[in-house]
């Protein structure tokens, strides 16, 4: 029997992460922003939601999508205000 078809291998594949979380560094890389910009966003109250895993901040994919939608809405509101 090959290892490819072993029961242990199929359990491992089923446990694959579908909705990953981001570390500060991976979030910044994905959004093409600096760590300083992200920490500024949190300090000023417009950063993405996060949870602590020990001392490490983790950002879920859902929080990233909400943050992107909020940033897009803020950009639209700013553009609308500039047109008036």
Protein backbone atom coordinates (compact mmCIF):
# COMPACT_ATOMS: atom_id res chain seq x y z
CA UNK A 1 0.00 0.00 0.00
CA UNK A 2 1.43 3.36 -0.93
CA UNK A 3 1.67 6.19 1.55
CA UNK A 4 -0.42 8.30 -0.81
CA UNK A 5 -3.52 6.28 0.02
CA UNK A 6 -2.93 5.71 3.71
CA UNK A 7 -5.67 6.74 6.18
CA UNK A 8 -3.26 8.99 8.08
CA UNK A 9 -2.52 11.00 4.94
CA UNK A 10 -6.21 11.56 4.18
CA UNK A 11 -6.83 12.88 7.71
CA UNK A 12 -3.99 15.34 7.28
CA UNK A 13 -5.41 16.64 4.02
CA UNK A 14 -8.84 17.10 5.60
CA UNK A 15 -7.33 19.28 8.30
CA UNK A 16 -5.98 21.81 5.77
CA UNK A 17 -6.62 25.43 6.69
CA UNK A 18 -9.18 27.01 4.38
CA UNK A 19 -9.47 30.41 6.07
CA UNK A 20 -5.98 31.35 7.27
CA UNK A 21 -5.15 34.08 9.71
CA UNK A 22 -2.46 36.66 9.14
CA UNK A 23 0.43 37.69 11.32
CA UNK A 24 1.29 41.39 11.32
CA UNK A 25 4.04 40.75 8.78
CA UNK A 26 1.92 38.59 6.46
CA UNK A 27 -0.98 41.08 6.63
CA UNK A 28 1.34 43.95 5.76
CA UNK A 29 2.78 41.97 2.85
CA UNK A 30 -0.69 41.06 1.58
CA UNK A 31 -1.92 44.67 1.81
CA UNK A 32 1.39 46.24 0.68
CA UNK A 33 1.59 48.50 3.74
CA UNK A 34 4.31 49.00 6.31
CA UNK A 35 4.16 47.76 9.90
CA UNK A 36 4.30 51.40 11.00
CA UNK A 37 1.21 52.19 8.91
CA UNK A 38 -0.68 49.23 10.39
CA UNK A 39 0.20 50.15 13.98
CA UNK A 40 -0.77 53.77 13.22
CA UNK A 41 -4.13 52.52 11.93
CA UNK A 42 -4.72 50.61 15.16
CA UNK A 43 -3.63 53.58 17.27
CA UNK A 44 -5.99 55.92 15.39
CA UNK A 45 -8.87 53.43 15.50
CA UNK A 46 -9.18 52.46 11.83
CA UNK A 47 -7.08 49.30 11.79
CA UNK A 48 -8.40 45.79 11.20
CA UNK A 49 -9.79 43.72 14.05
CA UNK A 50 -7.36 41.24 15.56
CA UNK A 51 -7.04 38.74 18.37
CA UNK A 52 -4.07 37.83 20.48
CA UNK A 53 -2.44 34.42 20.24
CA UNK A 54 -0.17 34.70 23.25
CA UNK A 55 1.53 38.02 22.55
CA UNK A 56 1.17 37.80 18.78
CA UNK A 57 -1.59 39.69 16.97
CA UNK A 58 -3.52 37.62 14.43
CA UNK A 59 -5.92 39.00 11.81
CA UNK A 60 -8.56 36.71 10.34
CA UNK A 61 -9.42 36.68 6.65
CA UNK A 62 -12.92 37.93 7.54
CA UNK A 63 -11.41 40.87 9.48
CA UNK A 64 -9.18 41.67 6.50
CA UNK A 65 -12.20 41.70 4.15
CA UNK A 66 -14.18 43.97 6.54
CA UNK A 67 -11.20 46.31 6.83
CA UNK A 68 -10.86 46.49 3.04
CA UNK A 69 -14.58 47.29 2.70
CA UNK A 70 -14.27 50.03 5.35
CA UNK A 71 -11.24 51.53 3.61
CA UNK A 72 -13.08 51.49 0.26
CA UNK A 73 -16.14 53.16 1.82
CA UNK A 74 -13.92 55.84 3.41
CA UNK A 75 -12.24 56.48 0.05
CA UNK A 76 -15.63 56.82 -1.68
CA UNK A 77 -16.88 59.21 1.01
CA UNK A 78 -13.74 61.30 0.71
CA UNK A 79 -14.05 61.42 -3.10
CA UNK A 80 -17.73 62.41 -2.84
CA UNK A 81 -16.86 65.18 -0.39
CA UNK A 82 -14.16 66.53 -2.68
CA UNK A 83 -16.62 66.71 -5.62
CA UNK A 84 -19.05 68.92 -3.71
